[in-house]
Protein backbone atom coordinates (compact mmCIF):
# COMPACT_ATOMS: atom_id res chain seq x y z
CA MET A 1 55.24 -43.25 -113.68
CA LYS A 2 55.56 -39.64 -112.52
CA VAL A 3 51.77 -39.29 -112.66
CA PHE A 4 51.21 -42.21 -110.30
CA ARG A 5 53.97 -40.98 -108.01
CA ASN A 6 52.38 -37.52 -107.90
CA ILE A 7 48.99 -39.04 -107.10
CA LYS A 8 50.53 -41.12 -104.30
CA ILE A 9 52.29 -38.09 -102.81
CA SER A 10 49.10 -35.99 -103.16
CA ARG A 11 47.03 -38.59 -101.37
CA LYS A 12 49.57 -38.85 -98.54
CA ALA A 13 49.76 -35.07 -98.17
CA LEU A 14 45.99 -34.63 -98.14
CA PHE A 15 45.34 -37.45 -95.70
CA SER A 16 47.94 -36.08 -93.30
CA HIS A 17 45.42 -33.31 -92.49
CA LYS A 18 42.10 -35.14 -92.64
CA LEU A 19 39.87 -32.49 -91.06
CA ARG A 20 41.23 -29.71 -93.25
CA THR A 21 40.86 -31.85 -96.37
CA LEU A 22 37.35 -32.89 -95.35
CA LEU A 23 36.24 -29.27 -94.92
CA ALA A 24 37.63 -28.37 -98.34
CA LEU A 25 35.85 -31.36 -99.91
CA CYS A 26 32.57 -30.35 -98.24
CA GLY A 27 32.49 -27.05 -100.10
CA ILE A 28 32.88 -28.69 -103.51
CA THR A 29 30.56 -31.56 -102.56
CA ILE A 30 27.76 -29.25 -101.44
CA GLY A 31 28.14 -27.14 -104.58
CA VAL A 32 27.97 -30.07 -107.00
CA ALA A 33 25.13 -31.72 -105.06
CA ALA A 34 23.16 -28.46 -105.03
CA VAL A 35 23.56 -28.04 -108.80
CA ILE A 36 22.45 -31.62 -109.50
CA VAL A 37 19.44 -31.42 -107.14
CA MET A 38 18.25 -28.05 -108.41
CA VAL A 39 18.58 -29.05 -112.04
CA ALA A 40 16.81 -32.36 -111.31
CA ILE A 41 13.88 -30.46 -109.76
CA GLY A 42 13.78 -28.05 -112.71
CA ASN A 43 13.92 -30.87 -115.27
CA GLY A 44 11.21 -32.75 -113.39
CA ALA A 45 8.96 -29.70 -113.40
CA GLN A 46 9.57 -29.26 -117.12
CA ARG A 47 8.71 -32.90 -117.86
CA ALA A 48 5.54 -32.67 -115.78
CA VAL A 49 4.39 -29.54 -117.61
CA LEU A 50 5.19 -30.96 -121.05
CA ARG A 51 3.41 -34.21 -120.17
CA ARG A 52 0.30 -32.30 -119.13
CA ILE A 53 0.40 -30.33 -122.37
CA LYS A 54 0.83 -33.56 -124.34
CA ASN A 55 -2.16 -35.03 -122.51
CA MET A 56 -4.27 -32.27 -124.05
CA GLY A 57 -3.70 -33.94 -127.41
CA THR A 58 -1.04 -33.98 -130.10
CA ASN A 59 -0.83 -31.35 -132.87
CA LEU A 60 -3.68 -29.47 -131.20
CA LEU A 61 -5.26 -26.14 -132.06
CA VAL A 62 -8.17 -24.79 -130.03
CA VAL A 63 -10.51 -22.28 -131.65
CA ASN A 64 -12.43 -20.33 -128.99
CA ALA A 65 -15.36 -18.03 -129.55
CA GLY A 66 -14.64 -14.40 -128.71
CA LYS A 67 -11.46 -13.16 -127.09
CA VAL A 68 -9.62 -15.21 -124.51
CA LYS A 69 -7.53 -13.70 -121.71
CA THR A 70 -5.84 -15.24 -118.69
CA PHE A 71 -7.12 -14.37 -115.23
CA VAL A 72 -5.32 -15.83 -112.19
CA GLY A 73 -3.77 -18.58 -114.31
CA ARG A 74 -7.01 -19.58 -116.07
CA ARG A 75 -8.16 -18.69 -119.55
CA ARG A 76 -11.58 -17.04 -119.76
CA GLN A 77 -13.59 -15.79 -122.68
CA ILE A 78 -14.50 -12.15 -122.87
CA GLY A 79 -16.67 -10.20 -125.25
CA ASN A 80 -18.92 -11.84 -127.83
CA VAL A 81 -19.05 -15.64 -127.39
CA ILE A 82 -21.76 -16.63 -129.86
CA THR A 83 -19.59 -16.41 -132.96
CA LEU A 84 -18.82 -20.11 -133.55
CA LYS A 85 -21.44 -22.30 -135.19
CA GLN A 86 -21.74 -25.94 -136.16
CA LYS A 87 -21.24 -24.89 -139.79
CA ASP A 88 -17.85 -23.38 -138.85
CA TYR A 89 -16.76 -26.70 -137.38
CA GLU A 90 -17.87 -28.57 -140.52
CA ALA A 91 -16.13 -26.03 -142.78
CA ILE A 92 -12.83 -26.38 -140.90
CA ILE A 93 -12.83 -30.13 -141.56
CA THR A 94 -13.76 -29.90 -145.22
CA GLU A 95 -11.96 -26.71 -146.34
CA CYS A 96 -8.66 -26.71 -144.43
CA PRO A 97 -6.20 -29.19 -146.02
CA SER A 98 -3.83 -29.15 -143.03
CA VAL A 99 -6.58 -30.24 -140.62
CA GLU A 100 -6.89 -33.96 -139.93
CA THR A 101 -10.06 -33.84 -137.83
CA ALA A 102 -11.92 -31.59 -135.40
CA ALA A 103 -14.47 -31.75 -132.60
CA PRO A 104 -16.94 -29.04 -131.55
CA ALA A 105 -17.52 -28.31 -127.87
CA GLN A 106 -20.04 -26.47 -125.73
CA GLU A 107 -19.82 -26.65 -121.96
CA LYS A 108 -21.57 -25.46 -118.85
CA THR A 109 -21.40 -26.25 -115.15
CA LEU A 110 -24.66 -27.85 -114.09
CA LYS A 111 -26.20 -29.78 -111.21
CA VAL A 112 -26.02 -33.54 -111.80
CA LYS A 113 -28.01 -36.01 -109.70
CA TYR A 114 -28.00 -39.76 -109.20
CA GLY A 115 -30.37 -41.19 -106.63
CA ASN A 116 -30.07 -38.97 -103.57
CA THR A 117 -26.58 -37.71 -104.46
CA THR A 118 -26.08 -34.37 -106.19
CA THR A 119 -22.92 -32.69 -107.42
CA MET A 120 -21.92 -29.72 -109.57
CA THR A 121 -19.83 -30.68 -112.57
CA LYS A 122 -18.88 -29.51 -116.04
CA VAL A 123 -21.11 -30.91 -118.75
CA LEU A 124 -19.43 -30.87 -122.16
CA GLY A 125 -21.20 -31.59 -125.43
CA THR A 126 -18.97 -32.85 -128.22
CA THR A 127 -18.53 -35.53 -130.90
CA PRO A 128 -16.76 -38.94 -130.78
CA ASP A 129 -13.61 -37.45 -132.34
CA PHE A 130 -13.07 -35.47 -129.13
CA GLN A 131 -11.82 -38.61 -127.40
CA SER A 132 -8.86 -39.13 -129.76
CA ILE A 133 -8.13 -35.42 -130.26
CA ARG A 134 -7.82 -34.79 -126.51
CA ASN A 135 -6.20 -38.17 -125.70
CA PHE A 136 -8.95 -39.41 -123.39
CA SER A 137 -8.99 -43.13 -122.60
CA ILE A 138 -11.95 -45.22 -121.51
CA ARG A 139 -11.54 -47.08 -118.23
CA ASN A 140 -14.89 -48.83 -118.34
CA GLY A 141 -17.66 -49.03 -120.95
CA ARG A 142 -17.38 -47.11 -124.22
CA PHE A 143 -17.63 -43.70 -125.87
CA PHE A 144 -20.75 -42.64 -127.79
CA LYS A 145 -20.77 -43.08 -131.58
CA ALA A 146 -21.33 -40.67 -134.48
CA GLU A 147 -24.75 -42.13 -135.29
CA GLU A 148 -25.78 -41.77 -131.64
CA ASN A 149 -24.80 -38.11 -131.81
CA ARG A 150 -26.81 -37.61 -135.02
CA ALA A 151 -29.81 -39.22 -133.32
CA SER A 152 -29.42 -36.89 -130.30
CA LEU A 153 -29.41 -39.82 -127.88
CA ARG A 154 -29.13 -39.11 -124.16
CA LEU A 155 -25.86 -40.91 -123.41
CA ALA A 156 -23.14 -39.85 -120.99
CA VAL A 157 -19.46 -40.65 -120.48
CA ILE A 158 -18.37 -39.56 -117.01
CA GLY A 159 -14.99 -38.58 -115.57
CA SER A 160 -13.35 -40.55 -112.78
CA GLN A 161 -14.13 -37.93 -110.13
CA VAL A 162 -17.79 -37.83 -111.12
CA HIS A 163 -17.77 -41.62 -110.88
CA GLU A 164 -16.52 -41.40 -107.29
CA ASN A 165 -18.80 -38.50 -106.30
CA LEU A 166 -22.04 -40.02 -107.62
CA PHE A 167 -21.50 -43.78 -107.65
CA TYR A 168 -18.84 -44.18 -104.92
CA GLY A 169 -16.81 -46.49 -107.16
CA ASP A 170 -19.69 -48.84 -108.04
CA ASP A 171 -20.25 -49.89 -111.65
CA PRO A 172 -22.25 -47.04 -113.27
CA ILE A 173 -22.70 -48.59 -116.74
CA GLY A 174 -26.41 -48.62 -117.65
CA GLU A 175 -27.40 -46.40 -114.71
CA ILE A 176 -29.49 -43.26 -115.23
CA LEU A 177 -28.33 -39.88 -113.93
CA ARG A 178 -29.99 -36.51 -114.39
CA VAL A 179 -28.18 -33.57 -115.95
CA GLY A 180 -30.35 -30.69 -114.87
CA ASN A 181 -33.75 -32.24 -115.46
CA VAL A 182 -32.72 -34.41 -118.40
CA PRO A 183 -32.07 -38.15 -117.79
CA PHE A 184 -28.91 -39.67 -119.33
CA GLU A 185 -27.71 -43.26 -119.49
CA VAL A 186 -24.11 -43.75 -118.40
CA ILE A 187 -22.23 -45.75 -121.05
CA GLY A 188 -18.60 -45.13 -120.10
CA VAL A 189 -16.09 -43.95 -117.49
CA LEU A 190 -12.91 -42.07 -118.45
CA LYS A 191 -9.47 -42.82 -117.08
CA SER A 192 -8.13 -40.20 -114.70
CA LYS A 193 -6.29 -37.38 -116.44
CA GLY A 194 -5.75 -34.81 -113.68
CA ILE A 195 -5.48 -31.06 -114.09
CA SER A 196 -5.07 -29.42 -117.48
CA PRO A 197 -2.41 -26.70 -118.09
CA GLU A 198 -5.25 -24.13 -117.84
CA GLY A 199 -6.08 -25.38 -114.34
CA ALA A 200 -9.31 -27.22 -115.21
CA ASN A 201 -10.10 -30.56 -113.56
CA GLU A 202 -10.30 -33.02 -116.46
CA ASP A 203 -11.81 -35.71 -114.22
CA ASN A 204 -14.76 -33.66 -113.00
CA GLN A 205 -16.79 -33.57 -116.21
CA ILE A 206 -19.47 -35.40 -118.14
CA LEU A 207 -19.26 -35.79 -121.93
CA ILE A 208 -22.50 -35.99 -123.91
CA PRO A 209 -23.32 -35.83 -127.66
CA ILE A 210 -23.15 -32.26 -128.97
CA ARG A 211 -26.57 -32.39 -130.64
CA THR A 212 -28.17 -33.58 -127.43
CA ALA A 213 -26.34 -30.91 -125.46
CA LEU A 214 -27.37 -28.01 -127.70
CA ARG A 215 -31.02 -29.06 -128.15
CA ARG A 216 -32.02 -30.70 -124.88
CA VAL A 217 -29.64 -29.40 -122.20
CA PHE A 218 -28.20 -25.98 -123.07
CA ASN A 219 -30.87 -24.78 -125.54
CA LEU A 220 -28.19 -23.04 -127.63
CA ASN A 221 -27.22 -22.92 -131.29
CA PHE A 222 -23.58 -21.87 -131.00
CA LEU A 223 -20.33 -23.43 -129.85
CA ASN A 224 -17.93 -22.53 -127.11
CA SER A 225 -14.85 -23.90 -128.89
CA ILE A 226 -13.59 -26.22 -131.61
CA TYR A 227 -10.71 -28.64 -130.97
CA VAL A 228 -8.61 -29.22 -134.09
CA ARG A 229 -5.98 -31.88 -134.72
CA VAL A 230 -3.45 -30.92 -137.39
CA ARG A 231 -1.89 -33.52 -139.70
CA SER A 232 1.67 -32.85 -138.50
CA GLN A 233 3.60 -30.55 -136.17
CA ASN A 234 5.24 -28.92 -139.19
CA SER A 235 1.79 -27.84 -140.39
CA MET A 236 0.67 -26.15 -137.16
CA GLU A 237 1.33 -22.60 -138.33
CA LEU A 238 -0.16 -23.33 -141.76
CA ALA A 239 -3.31 -24.84 -140.24
CA GLU A 240 -3.71 -21.86 -137.93
CA SER A 241 -3.45 -19.52 -140.91
CA GLU A 242 -5.98 -21.58 -142.91
CA ILE A 243 -8.48 -21.61 -140.06
CA ARG A 244 -8.09 -17.88 -139.42
CA SER A 245 -8.63 -17.02 -143.09
CA LEU A 246 -11.63 -19.34 -143.32
CA LEU A 247 -13.36 -18.01 -140.21
CA ARG A 248 -12.69 -14.38 -141.08
CA GLU A 249 -14.29 -15.00 -144.48
CA ARG A 250 -17.25 -16.88 -143.00
CA HIS A 251 -17.82 -14.22 -140.33
CA ARG A 252 -17.37 -11.41 -142.89
CA LEU A 253 -14.68 -9.71 -140.87
CA ASP A 254 -12.42 -8.74 -143.79
CA ARG A 255 -15.32 -7.01 -145.50
CA ASN A 256 -15.91 -4.79 -142.47
CA LYS A 257 -12.23 -4.64 -141.46
CA LYS A 258 -12.99 -5.98 -137.98
CA ASP A 259 -10.74 -7.77 -135.55
CA ASP A 260 -11.04 -11.52 -135.08
CA ASP A 261 -14.14 -12.54 -133.12
CA PHE A 262 -12.39 -15.79 -132.17
CA THR A 263 -9.09 -16.86 -130.62
CA ILE A 264 -6.82 -19.67 -131.85
CA GLN A 265 -4.60 -21.32 -129.25
CA ASN A 266 -1.61 -23.12 -130.74
CA GLN A 267 -0.34 -25.98 -128.57
CA MET A 268 3.19 -25.57 -129.94
CA ASN A 269 3.29 -21.96 -128.74
CA LEU A 270 2.23 -23.14 -125.30
CA ILE A 271 4.92 -25.83 -125.28
CA ARG A 272 7.60 -23.33 -126.35
CA ALA A 273 6.53 -20.80 -123.72
CA GLU A 274 6.48 -23.40 -120.93
CA LYS A 275 9.85 -24.81 -122.03
CA GLU A 276 11.47 -21.37 -122.12
CA THR A 277 10.13 -20.64 -118.64
CA THR A 278 11.36 -23.88 -117.12
CA ASP A 279 14.71 -23.60 -118.92
CA SER A 280 15.22 -20.12 -117.49
CA PHE A 281 14.24 -21.36 -114.05
CA THR A 282 16.64 -24.30 -114.29
CA LEU A 283 19.55 -22.11 -115.40
CA LEU A 284 18.80 -19.60 -112.63
CA ILE A 285 18.81 -22.14 -109.84
CA ALA A 286 21.84 -23.89 -111.31
CA GLY A 287 23.66 -20.55 -111.35
CA ILE A 288 22.74 -19.89 -107.73
CA ALA A 289 23.89 -23.37 -106.74
CA GLY A 290 27.11 -22.79 -108.70
CA ILE A 291 28.01 -19.99 -106.28
CA SER A 292 28.56 -22.62 -103.61
CA LEU A 293 31.11 -24.23 -105.96
CA LEU A 294 33.06 -20.99 -105.90
CA VAL A 295 32.91 -21.04 -102.11
CA GLY A 296 34.32 -24.55 -102.25
CA GLY A 297 37.07 -23.23 -104.52
CA VAL A 298 38.01 -20.66 -101.88
CA GLY A 299 38.26 -23.58 -99.44
CA ILE A 300 40.70 -25.33 -101.78
CA LEU A 301 42.73 -22.11 -102.07
CA ALA A 302 42.99 -21.84 -98.28
CA VAL A 303 43.98 -25.49 -97.88
CA MET A 304 46.65 -25.27 -100.56
CA LEU A 305 48.12 -22.05 -99.18
CA LEU A 306 48.41 -23.65 -95.75
CA ALA A 307 49.99 -26.71 -97.34
CA VAL A 308 52.61 -24.59 -99.09
CA LYS A 309 53.42 -22.77 -95.85
CA GLU A 310 53.69 -25.99 -93.80
CA ARG A 311 55.72 -27.87 -96.42
CA THR A 312 58.19 -25.14 -97.32
CA SER A 313 61.18 -27.11 -95.99
CA GLU A 314 59.99 -30.19 -97.89
CA ILE A 315 59.82 -28.14 -101.08
CA GLY A 316 63.34 -26.85 -100.46
CA LEU A 317 64.64 -30.37 -99.90
CA ARG A 318 63.09 -31.67 -103.12
CA MET A 319 64.55 -28.77 -105.09
CA ALA A 320 67.95 -29.34 -103.53
CA THR A 321 67.88 -33.00 -104.62
CA GLY A 322 67.09 -32.19 -108.25
CA ALA A 323 63.35 -31.41 -108.45
CA ARG A 324 62.56 -28.73 -110.97
CA PRO A 325 60.09 -25.85 -110.34
CA GLN A 326 57.64 -27.42 -112.81
CA ASP A 327 57.75 -30.66 -110.78
CA ILE A 328 56.69 -28.73 -107.66
CA LEU A 329 54.04 -26.92 -109.70
CA VAL A 330 52.61 -30.20 -111.03
CA GLN A 331 52.67 -31.73 -107.55
CA PHE A 332 50.55 -29.02 -105.94
CA LEU A 333 48.23 -28.80 -108.94
CA SER A 334 47.72 -32.56 -108.60
CA GLU A 335 46.63 -32.08 -105.00
CA ALA A 336 44.19 -29.32 -105.97
CA LEU A 337 42.75 -31.40 -108.82
CA THR A 338 42.43 -34.38 -106.48
CA LEU A 339 40.35 -32.25 -104.11
CA GLY A 340 38.21 -31.05 -107.01
CA LEU A 341 37.73 -34.56 -108.43
CA PHE A 342 36.80 -36.23 -105.15
CA GLY A 343 34.58 -33.31 -104.21
CA GLY A 344 32.82 -33.58 -107.59
CA LEU A 345 32.33 -37.34 -107.32
CA THR A 346 30.98 -37.21 -103.76
CA GLY A 347 28.79 -34.29 -104.76
CA MET A 348 27.43 -36.27 -107.71
CA VAL A 349 26.51 -39.24 -105.51
CA SER A 350 25.06 -36.98 -102.82
CA GLY A 351 23.07 -34.98 -105.36
CA LEU A 352 21.57 -38.08 -106.99
CA ILE A 353 20.59 -39.51 -103.60
CA ALA A 354 19.17 -36.18 -102.42
CA GLY A 355 17.18 -35.73 -105.65
CA TRP A 356 15.73 -39.22 -105.35
CA PHE A 357 14.87 -38.64 -101.68
CA ILE A 358 13.19 -35.27 -102.39
CA GLY A 359 11.10 -36.89 -105.12
CA LEU A 360 10.17 -39.67 -102.71
CA ILE A 361 9.02 -37.56 -99.77
CA THR A 362 7.43 -34.66 -101.71
CA GLU A 363 6.01 -36.54 -104.73
CA TRP A 364 7.69 -33.97 -106.96
CA GLU A 365 8.99 -35.34 -110.21
CA THR A 366 12.78 -35.10 -110.36
CA ALA A 367 14.94 -35.95 -113.36
CA ALA A 368 18.73 -35.80 -113.13
CA SER A 369 20.43 -34.46 -116.24
CA PRO A 370 23.48 -36.51 -117.35
CA GLY A 371 24.81 -33.45 -119.14
CA PHE A 372 24.65 -31.30 -116.02
CA ILE A 373 26.20 -34.09 -113.93
CA VAL A 374 29.21 -34.28 -116.24
CA LEU A 375 29.36 -30.48 -116.45
CA SER A 376 29.31 -30.18 -112.65
CA ILE A 377 32.22 -32.61 -112.24
CA LEU A 378 34.21 -30.83 -114.96
CA PHE A 379 33.43 -27.52 -113.28
CA SER A 380 34.62 -28.87 -109.92
CA LEU A 381 37.88 -29.95 -111.59
CA THR A 382 38.17 -26.50 -113.14
CA ILE A 383 37.56 -24.88 -109.75
CA GLY A 384 40.25 -27.08 -108.23
CA LEU A 385 42.69 -26.18 -111.00
CA PHE A 386 41.85 -22.46 -110.94
CA PHE A 387 42.19 -22.05 -107.19
CA GLY A 388 45.21 -24.36 -107.07
CA VAL A 389 47.31 -22.41 -109.59
CA TYR A 390 48.30 -19.55 -107.25
CA PRO A 391 49.50 -21.78 -104.37
CA ALA A 392 51.28 -24.09 -106.84
CA ARG A 393 53.08 -21.20 -108.54
CA ARG A 394 54.00 -19.80 -105.16
CA ALA A 395 55.50 -23.15 -104.15
CA ALA A 396 57.37 -23.51 -107.46
CA ARG A 397 58.99 -20.06 -107.11
CA LEU A 398 60.42 -20.64 -103.66
CA ASP A 399 64.18 -20.18 -103.28
CA PRO A 400 65.61 -23.61 -102.30
CA ILE A 401 68.06 -22.13 -99.78
CA VAL A 402 65.43 -19.95 -98.11
CA ALA A 403 63.00 -22.88 -98.10
CA LEU A 404 65.54 -25.21 -96.42
CA ARG A 405 66.18 -22.67 -93.65
CA SER A 406 62.47 -22.38 -92.81
CA GLU A 407 60.96 -24.54 -90.09
């Protein structure tokens, strides 16, 4: 019963000075809301990045010819880029037990024409396995088959942006477009996939059979890269090691003690790096937002000190009628915790609404974290308790006689 009586007294005391109480609540509310909003933005950014990485394909390794470095956020090949051959791709499938399947790739940006419309787009030669390895879906038509690749047929599967640029949304299936000077029949349109983590536009490309690409379009006999799907995530490191050993042996690098003439990109390393970056960002902004919680705590301290000063005679009267110092201590701590609790709850509601509104007007992805919401409310309670201890102890130590004489 004492608990309910303390709550009732706390509520009456706080509501007797509405403006002061409101200002103290605002500090805690803004702090909790800021933490929730900032963490929601950070979590949303993390989910968006991880989704884009997942769209590249699951359990993915990418073997690139030559060395690969990042320039202005995009990966580019440097040095010797004629080191990967079709035989390397076939050997990876047959000689690496951890590899489930693979798809070769050679690409080049070329002029593509349909009727009187011309556009520049990436033309990528590959095999049918590329579709499943890279998680591409067909919106209309179909993908080319293995036998069509072996026959070097001139078939094309176009991205959604190419579809809009050349055909203006009309049905392109069965139409003939020209890649360079070579005619290709359009047999499929890919679903939109957006921008890859490397910054490439996945929708502005045309996929054609690798044999056709090498012989009739590019006039090359080497590959740009090989996309590899590993049997399980637990085998990613093992598969990378198997591929590296195989290619070093095939390229005779160990014999001459040379560095790798290829680069293997491990999707799991990319996911870990992106997750660490976004986690650090989320913790940073949550820490900055948490400073406003401390400011709110100072507001609670000021309110409680004023309350002790204004209610000194009341404290003396209660002590004179039998209240113990611990009863006074609990009473003022209850008021401080009440401020912290209500500030945390209003901050939670405000933060969730603000996060939703920011996602609505900016098209950013936001994702509120239940853990951080609970943590923010607990932290607001802790702030209320921490900054309420000094005023409560001060009130509990008052001399009853001196307190009764004060006005």
